[in-house]
Amino acid sequence: MKIFHKKKLIANKVKLCDAFFSKSKGLMFSRRLRKRDALIFVADREGRMETTIHMFFVFFAIDVVWLDKDKKVVDKRENIKPFTPLIIPEKPAEYVVELPKNTARHINRGDILKFVDR
C-alpha cells in the first residue's frame, strides 16, 4: 500500500494494523521508522477514544495524522516524544497514520490522504 498527499508520495512501505495484535503492538519495541515508512491503524468505528494512542516503549519521535472515514485529516501532531502517555485526537477519527518525524509538516487539517494498493 502507498499513501499520497496532494499527489505526492509520503509512504510506500505501509503496515496496515487492523487486527487486535497488530493494533496492540504498534511501534512498541520496534526500530525507528525510515523515510517513506508508515503504520495505518484502522478503528472498528469512528471516535476519539478508539483512536487514542500512547508512546510507551516507543524509543523515537514520530508524527501522527488522524483521518475520518473519508480519509480527511481531522487532527495532526508532530514530533511526539517517546513515552508520551496519551495522545487523544481533537475530533473523531477512523484511521491513525504514524509517520517518521518531520513527514507530516505539510499536511493540514481538512486535507485528504489517499491510500493506494500496490
PDB file of N, CA and C in Angstrom:
ATOM      1  N   MET A   1       0.841  -1.180   0.000  1.00  0.00           N
ATOM      2  CA  MET A   1       0.000   0.000   0.000  1.00  0.00           C
ATOM      3  C   MET A   1       0.885   1.241   0.000  1.00  0.00           C
ATOM      4  N   LYS A   2       0.383   2.314  -0.613  1.00  0.00           N
ATOM      5  CA  LYS A   2       1.070   3.604  -0.649  1.00  0.00           C
ATOM      6  C   LYS A   2       0.127   4.672  -0.115  1.00  0.00           C
ATOM      7  N   ILE A   3       0.709   5.743   0.438  1.00  0.00           N
ATOM      8  CA  ILE A   3      -0.072   6.874   0.924  1.00  0.00           C
ATOM      9  C   ILE A   3       0.377   8.116   0.160  1.00  0.00           C
ATOM     10  N   PHE A   4      -0.619   8.837  -0.371  1.00  0.00           N
ATOM     11  CA  PHE A   4      -0.354  10.065  -1.102  1.00  0.00           C
ATOM     12  C   PHE A   4      -1.027  11.242  -0.413  1.00  0.00           C
ATOM     13  N   HIS A   5      -0.379  12.390  -0.496  1.00  0.00           N
ATOM     14  CA  HIS A   5      -0.935  13.661  -0.024  1.00  0.00           C
ATOM     15  C   HIS A   5      -0.757  14.658  -1.162  1.00  0.00           C
ATOM     16  N   LYS A   6      -1.869  15.131  -1.709  1.00  0.00           N
ATOM     17  CA  LYS A   6      -1.832  16.071  -2.838  1.00  0.00           C
ATOM     18  C   LYS A   6      -0.938  15.539  -3.961  1.00  0.00           C
ATOM     19  N   LYS A   7      -1.138  14.305  -4.333  1.00  0.00           N
ATOM     20  CA  LYS A   7      -0.413  13.617  -5.411  1.00  0.00           C
ATOM     21  C   LYS A   7       1.064  13.369  -5.109  1.00  0.00           C
ATOM     22  N   LYS A   8       1.513  13.711  -3.897  1.00  0.00           N
ATOM     23  CA  LYS A   8       2.901  13.461  -3.511  1.00  0.00           C
ATOM     24  C   LYS A   8       2.949  12.204  -2.652  1.00  0.00           C
ATOM     25  N   LEU A   9       3.845  11.298  -2.993  1.00  0.00           N
ATOM     26  CA  LEU A   9       4.021  10.069  -2.225  1.00  0.00           C
ATOM     27  C   LEU A   9       4.632  10.402  -0.872  1.00  0.00           C
ATOM     28  N   ILE A  10       3.947  10.005   0.199  1.00  0.00           N
ATOM     29  CA  ILE A  10       4.536  10.206   1.529  1.00  0.00           C
ATOM     30  C   ILE A  10       4.958   8.892   2.172  1.00  0.00           C
ATOM     31  N   ALA A  11       4.396   7.766   1.703  1.00  0.00           N
ATOM     32  CA  ALA A  11       4.812   6.462   2.238  1.00  0.00           C
ATOM     33  C   ALA A  11       4.545   5.382   1.202  1.00  0.00           C
ATOM     34  N   ASN A  12       5.519   4.487   1.040  1.00  0.00           N
ATOM     35  CA  ASN A  12       5.318   3.350   0.141  1.00  0.00           C
ATOM     36  C   ASN A  12       5.609   2.010   0.811  1.00  0.00           C
ATOM     37  N   LYS A  13       6.020   2.067   2.057  1.00  0.00           N
ATOM     38  CA  LYS A  13       6.198   0.847   2.855  1.00  0.00           C
ATOM     39  C   LYS A  13       5.265   0.988   4.058  1.00  0.00           C
ATOM     40  N   VAL A  14       4.029   0.527   3.866  1.00  0.00           N
ATOM     41  CA  VAL A  14       2.970   0.769   4.833  1.00  0.00           C
ATOM     42  C   VAL A  14       2.528  -0.543   5.468  1.00  0.00           C
ATOM     43  N   LYS A  15       2.447  -0.531   6.788  1.00  0.00           N
ATOM     44  CA  LYS A  15       1.923  -1.690   7.510  1.00  0.00           C
ATOM     45  C   LYS A  15       0.513  -1.347   7.970  1.00  0.00           C
ATOM     46  N   LEU A  16      -0.445  -2.164   7.576  1.00  0.00           N
ATOM     47  CA  LEU A  16      -1.834  -1.978   7.973  1.00  0.00           C
ATOM     48  C   LEU A  16      -2.076  -2.720   9.279  1.00  0.00           C
ATOM     49  N   CYS A  17      -2.516  -2.011  10.302  1.00  0.00           N
ATOM     50  CA  CYS A  17      -2.789  -2.595  11.612  1.00  0.00           C
ATOM     51  C   CYS A  17      -4.300  -2.594  11.823  1.00  0.00           C
ATOM     52  N   ASP A  18      -4.928  -3.706  11.472  1.00  0.00           N
ATOM     53  CA  ASP A  18      -6.377  -3.787  11.612  1.00  0.00           C
ATOM     54  C   ASP A  18      -6.811  -4.980  12.450  1.00  0.00           C
ATOM     55  N   ALA A  19      -5.854  -5.758  12.921  1.00  0.00           N
ATOM     56  CA  ALA A  19      -6.141  -6.906  13.791  1.00  0.00           C
ATOM     57  C   ALA A  19      -5.720  -6.559  15.224  1.00  0.00           C
ATOM     58  N   PHE A  20      -6.264  -7.268  16.189  1.00  0.00           N
ATOM     59  CA  PHE A  20      -6.028  -6.971  17.598  1.00  0.00           C
ATOM     60  C   PHE A  20      -4.538  -6.901  17.935  1.00  0.00           C
ATOM     61  N   PHE A  21      -3.755  -7.913  17.545  1.00  0.00           N
ATOM     62  CA  PHE A  21      -2.345  -7.949  17.930  1.00  0.00           C
ATOM     63  C   PHE A  21      -1.564  -6.810  17.290  1.00  0.00           C
ATOM     64  N   SER A  22      -1.763  -6.573  15.998  1.00  0.00           N
ATOM     65  CA  SER A  22      -1.009  -5.508  15.334  1.00  0.00           C
ATOM     66  C   SER A  22      -1.394  -4.136  15.885  1.00  0.00           C
ATOM     67  N   LYS A  23      -2.662  -3.941  16.240  1.00  0.00           N
ATOM     68  CA  LYS A  23      -3.088  -2.676  16.854  1.00  0.00           C
ATOM     69  C   LYS A  23      -2.454  -2.518  18.229  1.00  0.00           C
ATOM     70  N   SER A  24      -2.384  -3.606  18.983  1.00  0.00           N
ATOM     71  CA  SER A  24      -1.844  -3.549  20.350  1.00  0.00           C
ATOM     72  C   SER A  24      -0.349  -3.275  20.363  1.00  0.00           C
ATOM     73  N   LYS A  25       0.373  -3.895  19.446  1.00  0.00           N
ATOM     74  CA  LYS A  25       1.829  -3.748  19.428  1.00  0.00           C
ATOM     75  C   LYS A  25       2.260  -2.427  18.814  1.00  0.00           C
ATOM     76  N   GLY A  26       1.685  -2.066  17.681  1.00  0.00           N
ATOM     77  CA  GLY A  26       2.063  -0.812  17.021  1.00  0.00           C
ATOM     78  C   GLY A  26       3.559  -0.702  16.844  1.00  0.00           C
ATOM     79  N   LEU A  27       4.144   0.389  17.329  1.00  0.00           N
ATOM     80  CA  LEU A  27       5.587   0.607  17.204  1.00  0.00           C
ATOM     81  C   LEU A  27       6.373   0.253  18.466  1.00  0.00           C
ATOM     82  N   MET A  28       5.696  -0.332  19.468  1.00  0.00           N
ATOM     83  CA  MET A  28       6.414  -0.685  20.691  1.00  0.00           C
ATOM     84  C   MET A  28       7.555  -1.660  20.385  1.00  0.00           C
ATOM     85  N   PHE A  29       8.711  -1.366  20.936  1.00  0.00           N
ATOM     86  CA  PHE A  29       9.910  -2.193  20.798  1.00  0.00           C
ATOM     87  C   PHE A  29      10.357  -2.353  19.337  1.00  0.00           C
ATOM     88  N   SER A  30       9.953  -1.441  18.469  1.00  0.00           N
ATOM     89  CA  SER A  30      10.309  -1.515  17.047  1.00  0.00           C
ATOM     90  C   SER A  30      11.501  -0.626  16.738  1.00  0.00           C
ATOM     91  N   ARG A  31      12.057  -0.847  15.567  1.00  0.00           N
ATOM     92  CA  ARG A  31      13.126   0.016  15.090  1.00  0.00           C
ATOM     93  C   ARG A  31      12.519   1.327  14.600  1.00  0.00           C
ATOM     94  N   ARG A  32      13.342   2.330  14.492  1.00  0.00           N
ATOM     95  CA  ARG A  32      12.919   3.655  14.039  1.00  0.00           C
ATOM     96  C   ARG A  32      12.299   3.554  12.640  1.00  0.00           C
ATOM     97  N   LEU A  33      11.233   4.318  12.417  1.00  0.00           N
ATOM     98  CA  LEU A  33      10.635   4.363  11.085  1.00  0.00           C
ATOM     99  C   LEU A  33      11.605   5.025  10.118  1.00  0.00           C
ATOM    100  N   ARG A  34      11.726   4.466   8.944  1.00  0.00           N
ATOM    101  CA  ARG A  34      12.568   5.058   7.908  1.00  0.00           C
ATOM    102  C   ARG A  34      11.730   5.953   7.017  1.00  0.00           C
ATOM    103  N   LYS A  35      12.410   6.752   6.228  1.00  0.00           N
ATOM    104  CA  LYS A  35      11.713   7.612   5.270  1.00  0.00           C
ATOM    105  C   LYS A  35      10.789   6.754   4.412  1.00  0.00           C
ATOM    106  N   ARG A  36       9.554   7.201   4.247  1.00  0.00           N
ATOM    107  CA  ARG A  36       8.511   6.548   3.447  1.00  0.00           C
ATOM    108  C   ARG A  36       7.899   5.309   4.113  1.00  0.00           C
ATOM    109  N   ASP A  37       8.209   5.083   5.416  1.00  0.00           N
ATOM    110  CA  ASP A  37       7.533   4.043   6.193  1.00  0.00           C
ATOM    111  C   ASP A  37       6.288   4.651   6.836  1.00  0.00           C
ATOM    112  N   ALA A  38       5.309   3.812   7.120  1.00  0.00           N
ATOM    113  CA  ALA A  38       4.118   4.274   7.841  1.00  0.00           C
ATOM    114  C   ALA A  38       3.378   3.084   8.418  1.00  0.00           C
ATOM    115  N   LEU A  39       2.618   3.352   9.468  1.00  0.00           N
ATOM    116  CA  LEU A  39       1.655   2.398  10.010  1.00  0.00           C
ATOM    117  C   LEU A  39       0.285   3.047   9.910  1.00  0.00           C
ATOM    118  N   ILE A  40      -0.707   2.271   9.497  1.00  0.00           N
ATOM    119  CA  ILE A  40      -2.085   2.742   9.479  1.00  0.00           C
ATOM    120  C   ILE A  40      -2.873   1.858  10.429  1.00  0.00           C
ATOM    121  N   PHE A  41      -3.475   2.488  11.451  1.00  0.00           N
ATOM    122  CA  PHE A  41      -4.351   1.780  12.374  1.00  0.00           C
ATOM    123  C   PHE A  41      -5.790   2.059  11.957  1.00  0.00           C
ATOM    124  N   VAL A  42      -6.581   1.006  11.865  1.00  0.00           N
ATOM    125  CA  VAL A  42      -7.979   1.143  11.464  1.00  0.00           C
ATOM    126  C   VAL A  42      -8.850   0.825  12.682  1.00  0.00           C
ATOM    127  N   ALA A  43      -9.616   1.812  13.120  1.00  0.00           N
ATOM    128  CA  ALA A  43     -10.512   1.619  14.270  1.00  0.00           C
ATOM    129  C   ALA A  43     -11.760   0.863  13.820  1.00  0.00           C
ATOM    130  N   ASP A  44     -12.412   0.209  14.770  1.00  0.00           N
ATOM    131  CA  ASP A  44     -13.650  -0.506  14.474  1.00  0.00           C
ATOM    132  C   ASP A  44     -14.781   0.455  14.120  1.00  0.00           C
ATOM    133  N   ARG A  45     -14.695   1.675  14.668  1.00  0.00           N
ATOM    134  CA  ARG A  45     -15.675   2.716  14.340  1.00  0.00           C
ATOM    135  C   ARG A  45     -15.012   4.066  14.580  1.00  0.00           C
ATOM    136  N   GLU A  46     -15.579   5.085  13.995  1.00  0.00           N
ATOM    137  CA  GLU A  46     -15.042   6.432  14.133  1.00  0.00           C
ATOM    138  C   GLU A  46     -15.253   6.938  15.560  1.00  0.00           C
ATOM    139  N   GLY A  47     -14.209   7.492  16.158  1.00  0.00           N
ATOM    140  CA  GLY A  47     -14.324   8.009  17.510  1.00  0.00           C
ATOM    141  C   GLY A  47     -13.011   8.597  17.988  1.00  0.00           C
ATOM    142  N   ARG A  48     -13.050   9.266  19.127  1.00  0.00           N
ATOM    143  CA  ARG A  48     -11.837   9.832  19.708  1.00  0.00           C
ATOM    144  C   ARG A  48     -11.097   8.790  20.550  1.00  0.00           C
ATOM    145  N   MET A  49     -11.832   8.108  21.425  1.00  0.00           N
ATOM    146  CA  MET A  49     -11.178   7.131  22.295  1.00  0.00           C
ATOM    147  C   MET A  49     -10.680   5.926  21.500  1.00  0.00           C
ATOM    148  N   GLU A  50     -11.383   5.574  20.425  1.00  0.00           N
ATOM    149  CA  GLU A  50     -10.989   4.439  19.590  1.00  0.00           C
ATOM    150  C   GLU A  50      -9.655   4.687  18.879  1.00  0.00           C
ATOM    151  N   THR A  51      -9.277   5.954  18.745  1.00  0.00           N
ATOM    152  CA  THR A  51      -8.048   6.293  18.023  1.00  0.00           C
ATOM    153  C   THR A  51      -7.026   7.015  18.901  1.00  0.00           C
ATOM    154  N   THR A  52      -7.205   6.914  20.223  1.00  0.00           N
ATOM    155  CA  THR A  52      -6.216   7.437  21.158  1.00  0.00           C
ATOM    156  C   THR A  52      -4.994   6.524  21.123  1.00  0.00           C
ATOM    157  N   ILE A  53      -3.816   7.122  21.163  1.00  0.00           N
ATOM    158  CA  ILE A  53      -2.583   6.318  21.137  1.00  0.00           C
ATOM    159  C   ILE A  53      -1.715   6.670  22.340  1.00  0.00           C
ATOM    160  N   HIS A  54      -0.669   5.882  22.547  1.00  0.00           N
ATOM    161  CA  HIS A  54       0.352   6.163  23.557  1.00  0.00           C
ATOM    162  C   HIS A  54       1.699   5.864  22.929  1.00  0.00           C
ATOM    163  N   MET A  55       2.755   6.322  23.589  1.00  0.00           N
ATOM    164  CA  MET A  55       4.111   6.110  23.079  1.00  0.00           C
ATOM    165  C   MET A  55       4.965   5.286  24.057  1.00  0.00           C
ATOM    166  N   PHE A  56       4.313   4.501  24.912  1.00  0.00           N
ATOM    167  CA  PHE A  56       5.070   3.646  25.817  1.00  0.00           C
ATOM    168  C   PHE A  56       5.900   2.650  25.017  1.00  0.00           C
ATOM    169  N   PHE A  57       7.157   2.514  25.367  1.00  0.00           N
ATOM    170  CA  PHE A  57       8.094   1.587  24.743  1.00  0.00           C
ATOM    171  C   PHE A  57       8.307   1.854  23.258  1.00  0.00           C
ATOM    172  N   VAL A  58       8.051   3.079  22.840  1.00  0.00           N
ATOM    173  CA  VAL A  58       8.453   3.555  21.516  1.00  0.00           C
ATOM    174  C   VAL A  58       9.629   4.486  21.791  1.00  0.00           C
ATOM    175  N   PHE A  59      10.781   4.190  21.231  1.00  0.00           N
ATOM    176  CA  PHE A  59      12.019   4.853  21.625  1.00  0.00           C
ATOM    177  C   PHE A  59      12.458   5.967  20.673  1.00  0.00           C
ATOM    178  N   PHE A  60      11.546   6.479  19.865  1.00  0.00           N
ATOM    179  CA  PHE A  60      11.868   7.534  18.908  1.00  0.00           C
ATOM    180  C   PHE A  60      10.616   8.379  18.679  1.00  0.00           C
ATOM    181  N   ALA A  61      10.813   9.619  18.249  1.00  0.00           N
ATOM    182  CA  ALA A  61       9.696  10.533  17.992  1.00  0.00           C
ATOM    183  C   ALA A  61       9.056  10.221  16.641  1.00  0.00           C
ATOM    184  N   ILE A  62       7.752  10.502  16.540  1.00  0.00           N
ATOM    185  CA  ILE A  62       7.014  10.280  15.300  1.00  0.00           C
ATOM    186  C   ILE A  62       6.028  11.425  15.073  1.00  0.00           C
ATOM    187  N   ASP A  63       5.498  11.484  13.851  1.00  0.00           N
ATOM    188  CA  ASP A  63       4.367  12.344  13.514  1.00  0.00           C
ATOM    189  C   ASP A  63       3.138  11.448  13.407  1.00  0.00           C
ATOM    190  N   VAL A  64       1.971  11.984  13.792  1.00  0.00           N
ATOM    191  CA  VAL A  64       0.733  11.210  13.725  1.00  0.00           C
ATOM    192  C   VAL A  64      -0.351  12.066  13.076  1.00  0.00           C
ATOM    193  N   VAL A  65      -1.095  11.433  12.165  1.00  0.00           N
ATOM    194  CA  VAL A  65      -2.205  12.101  11.489  1.00  0.00           C
ATOM    195  C   VAL A  65      -3.451  11.253  11.708  1.00  0.00           C
ATOM    196  N   TRP A  66      -4.550  11.898  12.133  1.00  0.00           N
ATOM    197  CA  TRP A  66      -5.830  11.206  12.320  1.00  0.00           C
ATOM    198  C   TRP A  66      -6.751  11.563  11.170  1.00  0.00           C
ATOM    199  N   LEU A  67      -7.428  10.552  10.619  1.00  0.00           N
ATOM    200  CA  LEU A  67      -8.316  10.735   9.476  1.00  0.00           C
ATOM    201  C   LEU A  67      -9.714  10.247   9.810  1.00  0.00           C
ATOM    202  N   ASP A  68     -10.722  10.906   9.247  1.00  0.00           N
ATOM    203  CA  ASP A  68     -12.093  10.420   9.414  1.00  0.00           C
ATOM    204  C   ASP A  68     -12.371   9.309   8.400  1.00  0.00           C
ATOM    205  N   LYS A  69     -13.605   8.858   8.331  1.00  0.00           N
ATOM    206  CA  LYS A  69     -13.956   7.728   7.452  1.00  0.00           C
ATOM    207  C   LYS A  69     -13.709   8.027   5.983  1.00  0.00           C
ATOM    208  N   ASP A  70     -13.676   9.317   5.613  1.00  0.00           N
ATOM    209  CA  ASP A  70     -13.420   9.722   4.226  1.00  0.00           C
ATOM    210  C   ASP A  70     -11.942  10.017   3.971  1.00  0.00           C
ATOM    211  N   LYS A  71     -11.108   9.726   4.961  1.00  0.00           N
ATOM    212  CA  LYS A  71      -9.659   9.945   4.919  1.00  0.00           C
ATOM    213  C   LYS A  71      -9.290  11.430   4.884  1.00  0.00           C
ATOM    214  N   LYS A  72     -10.165  12.253   5.471  1.00  0.00           N
ATOM    215  CA  LYS A  72      -9.895  13.679   5.628  1.00  0.00           C
ATOM    216  C   LYS A  72      -9.191  13.879   6.970  1.00  0.00           C
ATOM    217  N   VAL A  73      -8.150  14.683   6.982  1.00  0.00           N
ATOM    218  CA  VAL A  73      -7.368  14.933   8.188  1.00  0.00           C
ATOM    219  C   VAL A  73      -8.204  15.711   9.199  1.00  0.00           C
ATOM    220  N   VAL A  74      -8.372  15.115  10.396  1.00  0.00           N
ATOM    221  CA  VAL A  74      -9.126  15.781  11.464  1.00  0.00           C
ATOM    222  C   VAL A  74      -8.214  16.267  12.591  1.00  0.00           C
ATOM    223  N   ASP A  75      -6.983  15.758  12.639  1.00  0.00           N
ATOM    224  CA  ASP A  75      -6.008  16.207  13.631  1.00  0.00           C
ATOM    225  C   ASP A  75      -4.634  15.744  13.193  1.00  0.00           C
ATOM    226  N   LYS A  76      -3.618  16.423  13.735  1.00  0.00           N
ATOM    227  CA  LYS A  76      -2.231  16.080  13.415  1.00  0.00           C
ATOM    228  C   LYS A  76      -1.360  16.511  14.577  1.00  0.00           C
ATOM    229  N   ARG A  77      -0.389  15.691  14.909  1.00  0.00           N
ATOM    230  CA  ARG A  77       0.617  16.049  15.922  1.00  0.00           C
ATOM    231  C   ARG A  77       1.984  15.713  15.333  1.00  0.00           C
ATOM    232  N   GLU A  78       2.904  16.624  15.506  1.00  0.00           N
ATOM    233  CA  GLU A  78       4.250  16.416  15.006  1.00  0.00           C
ATOM    234  C   GLU A  78       5.223  16.209  16.155  1.00  0.00           C
ATOM    235  N   ASN A  79       6.249  15.407  15.891  1.00  0.00           N
ATOM    236  CA  ASN A  79       7.347  15.204  16.831  1.00  0.00           C
ATOM    237  C   ASN A  79       6.856  14.767  18.218  1.00  0.00           C
ATOM    238  N   ILE A  80       6.015  13.747  18.235  1.00  0.00           N
ATOM    239  CA  ILE A  80       5.548  13.196  19.512  1.00  0.00           C
ATOM    240  C   ILE A  80       6.701  12.426  20.144  1.00  0.00           C
ATOM    241  N   LYS A  81       7.005  12.784  21.351  1.00  0.00           N
ATOM    242  CA  LYS A  81       8.170  12.232  22.051  1.00  0.00           C
ATOM    243  C   LYS A  81       7.911  10.819  22.582  1.00  0.00           C
ATOM    244  N   PRO A  82       8.986  10.021  22.681  1.00  0.00           N
ATOM    245  CA  PRO A  82       8.861   8.689  23.273  1.00  0.00           C
ATOM    246  C   PRO A  82       8.255   8.761  24.676  1.00  0.00           C
ATOM    247  N   PHE A  83       7.498   7.735  25.009  1.00  0.00           N
ATOM    248  CA  PHE A  83       6.895   7.552  26.326  1.00  0.00           C
ATOM    249  C   PHE A  83       5.837   8.604  26.685  1.00  0.00           C
ATOM    250  N   THR A  84       5.296   9.308  25.691  1.00  0.00           N
ATOM    251  CA  THR A  84       4.164  10.208  25.949  1.00  0.00           C
ATOM    252  C   THR A  84       2.970   9.330  26.310  1.00  0.00           C
ATOM    253  N   PRO A  85       2.311   9.581  27.453  1.00  0.00           N
ATOM    254  CA  PRO A  85       1.291   8.640  27.928  1.00  0.00           C
ATOM    255  C   PRO A  85       0.023   8.546  27.075  1.00  0.00           C
ATOM    256  N   LEU A  86      -0.616   9.643  26.746  1.00  0.00           N
ATOM    257  CA  LEU A  86      -1.864   9.584  25.979  1.00  0.00           C
ATOM    258  C   LEU A  86      -1.902  10.716  24.971  1.00  0.00           C
ATOM    259  N   ILE A  87      -2.243  10.374  23.749  1.00  0.00           N
ATOM    260  CA  ILE A  87      -2.428  11.365  22.699  1.00  0.00           C
ATOM    261  C   ILE A  87      -3.826  11.131  22.138  1.00  0.00           C
ATOM    262  N   ILE A  88      -4.726  12.078  22.422  1.00  0.00           N
ATOM    263  CA  ILE A  88      -6.131  11.951  22.038  1.00  0.00           C
ATOM    264  C   ILE A  88      -6.414  12.936  20.911  1.00  0.00           C
ATOM    265  N   PRO A  89      -6.990  12.469  19.804  1.00  0.00           N
ATOM    266  CA  PRO A  89      -7.293  13.407  18.720  1.00  0.00           C
ATOM    267  C   PRO A  89      -8.382  14.391  19.139  1.00  0.00           C
ATOM    268  N   GLU A  90      -8.357  15.580  18.537  1.00  0.00           N
ATOM    269  CA  GLU A  90      -9.353  16.600  18.863  1.00  0.00           C
ATOM    270  C   GLU A  90     -10.739  16.247  18.343  1.00  0.00           C
ATOM    271  N   LYS A  91     -10.810  15.507  17.238  1.00  0.00           N
ATOM    272  CA  LYS A  91     -12.093  15.139  16.639  1.00  0.00           C
ATOM    273  C   LYS A  91     -12.115  13.630  16.408  1.00  0.00           C
ATOM    274  N   PRO A  92     -13.302  13.059  16.263  1.00  0.00           N
ATOM    275  CA  PRO A  92     -13.392  11.621  15.993  1.00  0.00           C
ATOM    276  C   PRO A  92     -12.659  11.239  14.706  1.00  0.00           C
ATOM    277  N   ALA A  93     -12.016  10.086  14.744  1.00  0.00           N
ATOM    278  CA  ALA A  93     -11.264   9.591  13.598  1.00  0.00           C
ATOM    279  C   ALA A  93     -11.508   8.091  13.443  1.00  0.00           C
ATOM    280  N   GLU A  94     -11.227   7.590  12.260  1.00  0.00           N
ATOM    281  CA  GLU A  94     -11.308   6.155  11.999  1.00  0.00           C
ATOM    282  C   GLU A  94      -9.930   5.569  11.702  1.00  0.00           C
ATOM    283  N   TYR A  95      -9.032   6.415  11.205  1.00  0.00           N
ATOM    284  CA  TYR A  95      -7.680   5.974  10.854  1.00  0.00           C
ATOM    285  C   TYR A  95      -6.661   6.794  11.628  1.00  0.00           C
ATOM    286  N   VAL A  96      -5.591   6.115  12.049  1.00  0.00           N
ATOM    287  CA  VAL A  96      -4.440   6.769  12.656  1.00  0.00           C
ATOM    288  C   VAL A  96      -3.245   6.404  11.787  1.00  0.00           C
ATOM    289  N   VAL A  97      -2.552   7.417  11.282  1.00  0.00           N
ATOM    290  CA  VAL A  97      -1.384   7.187  10.434  1.00  0.00           C
ATOM    291  C   VAL A  97      -0.148   7.651  11.197  1.00  0.00           C
ATOM    292  N   GLU A  98       0.756   6.711  11.477  1.00  0.00           N
ATOM    293  CA  GLU A  98       2.002   7.033  12.167  1.00  0.00           C
ATOM    294  C   GLU A  98       3.114   7.098  11.138  1.00  0.00           C
ATOM    295  N   LEU A  99       3.860   8.201  11.178  1.00  0.00           N
ATOM    296  CA  LEU A  99       4.872   8.505  10.168  1.00  0.00           C
ATOM    297  C   LEU A  99       6.189   8.879  10.832  1.00  0.00           C
ATOM    298  N   PRO A 100       7.298   8.800  10.092  1.00  0.00           N
ATOM    299  CA  PRO A 100       8.562   9.272  10.646  1.00  0.00           C
ATOM    300  C   PRO A 100       8.473  10.764  11.002  1.00  0.00           C
ATOM    301  N   LYS A 101       9.241  11.163  11.981  1.00  0.00           N
ATOM    302  CA  LYS A 101       9.289  12.562  12.405  1.00  0.00           C
ATOM    303  C   LYS A 101       9.569  13.462  11.191  1.00  0.00           C
ATOM    304  N   ASN A 102       8.883  14.588  11.134  1.00  0.00           N
ATOM    305  CA  ASN A 102       9.008  15.612  10.076  1.00  0.00           C
ATOM    306  C   ASN A 102       8.321  15.253   8.756  1.00  0.00           C
ATOM    307  N   THR A 103       7.606  14.156   8.710  1.00  0.00           N
ATOM    308  CA  THR A 103       6.905  13.780   7.475  1.00  0.00           C
ATOM    309  C   THR A 103       5.597  14.543   7.317  1.00  0.00           C
ATOM    310  N   ALA A 104       4.943  14.897   8.409  1.00  0.00           N
ATOM    311  CA  ALA A 104       3.597  15.486   8.353  1.00  0.00           C
ATOM    312  C   ALA A 104       3.602  17.013   8.325  1.00  0.00           C
ATOM    313  N   ARG A 105       4.736  17.627   8.200  1.00  0.00           N
ATOM    314  CA  ARG A 105       4.793  19.092   8.325  1.00  0.00           C
ATOM    315  C   ARG A 105       3.971  19.831   7.273  1.00  0.00           C
ATOM    316  N   HIS A 106       3.748  19.238   6.091  1.00  0.00           N
ATOM    317  CA  HIS A 106       2.974  19.897   5.032  1.00  0.00           C
ATOM    318  C   HIS A 106       1.520  19.416   4.980  1.00  0.00           C
ATOM    319  N   ILE A 107       1.148  18.541   5.893  1.00  0.00           N
ATOM    320  CA  ILE A 107      -0.224  18.030   5.946  1.00  0.00           C
ATOM    321  C   ILE A 107      -1.016  18.907   6.913  1.00  0.00           C
ATOM    322  N   ASN A 108      -2.205  19.325   6.495  1.00  0.00           N
ATOM    323  CA  ASN A 108      -3.035  20.212   7.311  1.00  0.00           C
ATOM    324  C   ASN A 108      -4.411  19.611   7.536  1.00  0.00           C
ATOM    325  N   ARG A 109      -5.085  20.066   8.585  1.00  0.00           N
ATOM    326  CA  ARG A 109      -6.472  19.649   8.819  1.00  0.00           C
ATOM    327  C   ARG A 109      -7.298  20.000   7.589  1.00  0.00           C
ATOM    328  N   GLY A 110      -8.174  19.066   7.218  1.00  0.00           N
ATOM    329  CA  GLY A 110      -9.013  19.264   6.045  1.00  0.00           C
ATOM    330  C   GLY A 110      -8.434  18.651   4.783  1.00  0.00           C
ATOM    331  N   ASP A 111      -7.124  18.371   4.760  1.00  0.00           N
ATOM    332  CA  ASP A 111      -6.519  17.711   3.608  1.00  0.00           C
ATOM    333  C   ASP A 111      -7.026  16.276   3.513  1.00  0.00           C
ATOM    334  N   ILE A 112      -6.932  15.708   2.334  1.00  0.00           N
ATOM    335  CA  ILE A 112      -7.323  14.316   2.110  1.00  0.00           C
ATOM    336  C   ILE A 112      -6.065  13.502   1.821  1.00  0.00           C
ATOM    337  N   LEU A 113      -5.921  12.363   2.503  1.00  0.00           N
ATOM    338  CA  LEU A 113      -4.857  11.418   2.182  1.00  0.00           C
ATOM    339  C   LEU A 113      -5.474  10.294   1.358  1.00  0.00           C
ATOM    340  N   LYS A 114      -4.702   9.786   0.430  1.00  0.00           N
ATOM    341  CA  LYS A 114      -5.187   8.719  -0.445  1.00  0.00           C
ATOM    342  C   LYS A 114      -4.353   7.471  -0.189  1.00  0.00           C
ATOM    343  N   PHE A 115      -5.051   6.347   0.075  1.00  0.00           N
ATOM    344  CA  PHE A 115      -4.398   5.044   0.236  1.00  0.00           C
ATOM    345  C   PHE A 115      -4.555   4.303  -1.078  1.00  0.00           C
ATOM    346  N   VAL A 116      -3.459   3.807  -1.629  1.00  0.00           N
ATOM    347  CA  VAL A 116      -3.490   3.096  -2.904  1.00  0.00           C
ATOM    348  C   VAL A 116      -2.840   1.733  -2.733  1.00  0.00           C
ATOM    349  N   ASP A 117      -3.574   0.671  -3.091  1.00  0.00           N
ATOM    350  CA  ASP A 117      -2.980  -0.661  -3.073  1.00  0.00           C
ATOM    351  C   ASP A 117      -1.968  -0.741  -4.208  1.00  0.00           C
ATOM    352  N   ARG A 118      -0.981  -1.553  -4.008  1.00  0.00           N
ATOM    353  CA  ARG A 118       0.111  -1.660  -4.993  1.00  0.00           C
ATOM    354  C   ARG A 118      -0.350  -1.948  -6.356  1.00  0.00           C
TER     355      ARG A 118
END
